PDB file of N, CA and C in Angstrom:
ATOM      1  N   MET A   1      97.923  99.535  92.206  1.00  0.00           N
ATOM      2  CA  MET A   1      99.003  99.342  93.018  1.00  0.00           C
ATOM      3  C   MET A   1      99.128  98.865  94.335  1.00  0.00           C
ATOM      4  N   VAL A   2      99.756  98.036  95.027  1.00  0.00           N
ATOM      5  CA  VAL A   2      99.743  97.552  96.349  1.00  0.00           C
ATOM      6  C   VAL A   2      99.765  98.773  97.244  1.00  0.00           C
ATOM      7  N   SER A   3     101.222  99.367  97.064  1.00  0.00           N
ATOM      8  CA  SER A   3     101.677 100.646  98.006  1.00  0.00           C
ATOM      9  C   SER A   3     100.397 101.423  98.139  1.00  0.00           C
ATOM     10  N   ASN A   4      99.790 102.040  97.070  1.00  0.00           N
ATOM     11  CA  ASN A   4      98.780 102.933  96.865  1.00  0.00           C
ATOM     12  C   ASN A   4      97.088 102.299  97.911  1.00  0.00           C
ATOM     13  N   THR A   5      97.022 100.948  97.795  1.00  0.00           N
ATOM     14  CA  THR A   5      95.925 100.387  98.507  1.00  0.00           C
ATOM     15  C   THR A   5      96.308 100.405 100.113  1.00  0.00           C
ATOM     16  N   LEU A   6      97.701 100.306 100.139  1.00  0.00           N
ATOM     17  CA  LEU A   6      98.153 100.065 101.694  1.00  0.00           C
ATOM     18  C   LEU A   6      98.432 101.521 102.189  1.00  0.00           C
ATOM     19  N   LYS A   7      98.176 102.857 101.299  1.00  0.00           N
ATOM     20  CA  LYS A   7      98.590 103.892 101.834  1.00  0.00           C
ATOM     21  C   LYS A   7      99.851 104.165 102.402  1.00  0.00           C
ATOM     22  N   MET A   8     101.047 103.451 101.409  1.00  0.00           N
ATOM     23  CA  MET A   8     102.497 103.720 101.758  1.00  0.00           C
ATOM     24  C   MET A   8     103.078 103.838 100.413  1.00  0.00           C
ATOM     25  N   ASP A   9     104.356 104.601 100.544  1.00  0.00           N
ATOM     26  CA  ASP A   9     104.991 104.664  99.338  1.00  0.00           C
ATOM     27  C   ASP A   9     106.077 103.698  99.011  1.00  0.00           C
ATOM     28  N   LEU A  10     106.289 103.515  97.723  1.00  0.00           N
ATOM     29  CA  LEU A  10     107.057 102.028  97.403  1.00  0.00           C
ATOM     30  C   LEU A  10     107.893 102.036  97.895  1.00  0.00           C
ATOM     31  N   GLU A  11     108.901 102.942  98.209  1.00  0.00           N
ATOM     32  CA  GLU A  11     110.244 102.594  99.271  1.00  0.00           C
ATOM     33  C   GLU A  11     109.756 101.541 100.302  1.00  0.00           C
ATOM     34  N   GLU A  12     108.882 102.406 101.068  1.00  0.00           N
ATOM     35  CA  GLU A  12     108.633 101.495 102.317  1.00  0.00           C
ATOM     36  C   GLU A  12     108.002 100.067 102.073  1.00  0.00           C
ATOM     37  N   LEU A  13     107.199 100.015 101.320  1.00  0.00           N
ATOM     38  CA  LEU A  13     106.457  98.788 100.757  1.00  0.00           C
ATOM     39  C   LEU A  13     108.091  97.658 100.233  1.00  0.00           C
ATOM     40  N   VAL A  14     108.903  98.109  99.612  1.00  0.00           N
ATOM     41  CA  VAL A  14     109.586  97.308  99.096  1.00  0.00           C
ATOM     42  C   VAL A  14     110.972  97.016 100.325  1.00  0.00           C
ATOM     43  N   LYS A  15     111.093  97.999 101.275  1.00  0.00           N
ATOM     44  CA  LYS A  15     112.028  97.586 102.581  1.00  0.00           C
ATOM     45  C   LYS A  15     111.029  96.440 103.174  1.00  0.00           C
ATOM     46  N   ILE A  16     109.967  96.340 103.135  1.00  0.00           N
ATOM     47  CA  ILE A  16     108.894  95.330 104.119  1.00  0.00           C
ATOM     48  C   ILE A  16     109.078  94.078 103.435  1.00  0.00           C
ATOM     49  N   ALA A  17     109.065  94.332 102.094  1.00  0.00           N
ATOM     50  CA  ALA A  17     109.164  92.904 101.380  1.00  0.00           C
ATOM     51  C   ALA A  17     110.428  92.304 101.164  1.00  0.00           C
ATOM     52  N   ALA A  18     111.625  93.250 101.486  1.00  0.00           N
ATOM     53  CA  ALA A  18     113.008  92.741 101.638  1.00  0.00           C
ATOM     54  C   ALA A  18     112.997  92.142 102.950  1.00  0.00           C
ATOM     55  N   SER A  19     112.545  93.015 104.059  1.00  0.00           N
ATOM     56  CA  SER A  19     112.531  92.018 105.178  1.00  0.00           C
ATOM     57  C   SER A  19     111.677  90.811 105.617  1.00  0.00           C
ATOM     58  N   LEU A  20     110.560  90.531 104.686  1.00  0.00           N
ATOM     59  CA  LEU A  20     110.179  89.149 104.742  1.00  0.00           C
ATOM     60  C   LEU A  20     111.314  88.357 103.901  1.00  0.00           C
ATOM     61  N   ARG A  21     111.915  88.484 103.199  1.00  0.00           N
ATOM     62  CA  ARG A  21     112.547  87.499 102.359  1.00  0.00           C
ATOM     63  C   ARG A  21     113.720  87.290 103.187  1.00  0.00           C
ATOM     64  N   ARG A  22     114.318  88.177 103.889  1.00  0.00           N
ATOM     65  CA  ARG A  22     115.376  87.842 104.686  1.00  0.00           C
ATOM     66  C   ARG A  22     114.875  86.961 105.859  1.00  0.00           C
ATOM     67  N   LYS A  23     113.711  87.273 106.471  1.00  0.00           N
ATOM     68  CA  LYS A  23     113.307  86.504 107.781  1.00  0.00           C
ATOM     69  C   LYS A  23     112.727  85.067 107.074  1.00  0.00           C
ATOM     70  N   TYR A  24     112.228  84.864 105.821  1.00  0.00           N
ATOM     71  CA  TYR A  24     111.456  83.844 105.459  1.00  0.00           C
ATOM     72  C   TYR A  24     112.193  83.186 104.311  1.00  0.00           C
ATOM     73  N   GLY A  25     113.043  83.367 103.766  1.00  0.00           N
ATOM     74  CA  GLY A  25     113.787  82.986 102.679  1.00  0.00           C
ATOM     75  C   GLY A  25     113.757  81.425 102.628  1.00  0.00           C
ATOM     76  N   GLY A  26     114.510  81.142 103.739  1.00  0.00           N
ATOM     77  CA  GLY A  26     114.850  79.868 103.791  1.00  0.00           C
ATOM     78  C   GLY A  26     113.448  78.629 103.947  1.00  0.00           C
ATOM     79  N   ASP A  27     112.207  79.049 104.163  1.00  0.00           N
ATOM     80  CA  ASP A  27     111.238  78.794 104.422  1.00  0.00           C
ATOM     81  C   ASP A  27     110.384  78.023 103.010  1.00  0.00           C
ATOM     82  N   PRO A  28     110.281  76.776 103.037  1.00  0.00           N
ATOM     83  CA  PRO A  28     109.856  75.776 101.758  1.00  0.00           C
ATOM     84  C   PRO A  28     108.554  76.544 101.336  1.00  0.00           C
ATOM     85  N   GLU A  29     107.821  77.240 102.219  1.00  0.00           N
ATOM     86  CA  GLU A  29     106.436  77.653 101.649  1.00  0.00           C
ATOM     87  C   GLU A  29     106.631  78.966 101.008  1.00  0.00           C
ATOM     88  N   TYR A  30     107.438  79.693 101.633  1.00  0.00           N
ATOM     89  CA  TYR A  30     108.000  81.239 100.893  1.00  0.00           C
ATOM     90  C   TYR A  30     108.761  80.710  99.806  1.00  0.00           C
ATOM     91  N   GLN A  31     109.321  79.738  99.445  1.00  0.00           N
ATOM     92  CA  GLN A  31     110.173  79.556  98.460  1.00  0.00           C
ATOM     93  C   GLN A  31     109.015  79.117  97.276  1.00  0.00           C
ATOM     94  N   LYS A  32     108.320  78.122  97.793  1.00  0.00           N
ATOM     95  CA  LYS A  32     107.370  77.971  96.751  1.00  0.00           C
ATOM     96  C   LYS A  32     106.509  78.971  96.227  1.00  0.00           C
ATOM     97  N   LEU A  33     106.052  79.675  97.037  1.00  0.00           N
ATOM     98  CA  LEU A  33     105.044  80.897  96.678  1.00  0.00           C
ATOM     99  C   LEU A  33     106.153  81.860  95.789  1.00  0.00           C
ATOM    100  N   ARG A  34     107.260  82.155  96.276  1.00  0.00           N
ATOM    101  CA  ARG A  34     108.174  83.008  95.627  1.00  0.00           C
ATOM    102  C   ARG A  34     108.501  82.307  93.955  1.00  0.00           C
ATOM    103  N   GLN A  35     108.450  80.984  93.563  1.00  0.00           N
ATOM    104  CA  GLN A  35     108.563  80.529  92.684  1.00  0.00           C
ATOM    105  C   GLN A  35     107.656  80.775  91.504  1.00  0.00           C
ATOM    106  N   GLU A  36     106.364  80.963  91.904  1.00  0.00           N
ATOM    107  CA  GLU A  36     105.097  81.551  91.087  1.00  0.00           C
ATOM    108  C   GLU A  36     105.228  82.744  90.560  1.00  0.00           C
ATOM    109  N   LEU A  37     106.260  83.576  91.236  1.00  0.00           N
ATOM    110  CA  LEU A  37     106.253  85.002  90.768  1.00  0.00           C
ATOM    111  C   LEU A  37     107.384  85.093  89.578  1.00  0.00           C
ATOM    112  N   PRO A  38     107.226  86.197  88.591  1.00  0.00           N
ATOM    113  CA  PRO A  38     108.114  86.097  87.357  1.00  0.00           C
ATOM    114  C   PRO A  38     109.569  86.470  88.156  1.00  0.00           C
ATOM    115  N   ASP A  39     111.073  86.044  87.371  1.00  0.00           N
ATOM    116  CA  ASP A  39     112.105  85.997  87.705  1.00  0.00           C
ATOM    117  C   ASP A  39     112.530  87.625  87.988  1.00  0.00           C
ATOM    118  N   ASP A  40     111.950  88.265  87.293  1.00  0.00           N
ATOM    119  CA  ASP A  40     112.217  89.814  87.632  1.00  0.00           C
ATOM    120  C   ASP A  40     111.741  90.507  88.742  1.00  0.00           C
ATOM    121  N   TRP A  41     110.600  89.767  89.250  1.00  0.00           N
ATOM    122  CA  TRP A  41     109.862  90.232  90.353  1.00  0.00           C
ATOM    123  C   TRP A  41     110.966  90.795  91.335  1.00  0.00           C
ATOM    124  N   PRO A  42     110.866  92.193  91.812  1.00  0.00           N
ATOM    125  CA  PRO A  42     111.923  92.757  92.362  1.00  0.00           C
ATOM    126  C   PRO A  42     112.075  92.093  93.871  1.00  0.00           C
ATOM    127  N   ILE A  43     111.314  91.600  94.249  1.00  0.00           N
ATOM    128  CA  ILE A  43     111.705  91.177  95.741  1.00  0.00           C
ATOM    129  C   ILE A  43     111.422  89.303  95.858  1.00  0.00           C
TER     130      ILE A  43
END
């Protein structure tokens, strides 16, 4: 799991991912990469 590899708890990782979405949500490259993830991906 990513959080284990980074030595952080899941809640911290989710907060970081949410902040990236807020910051880069309108960026075309972010949107392209996000489309490659499943719809039920948490972020």
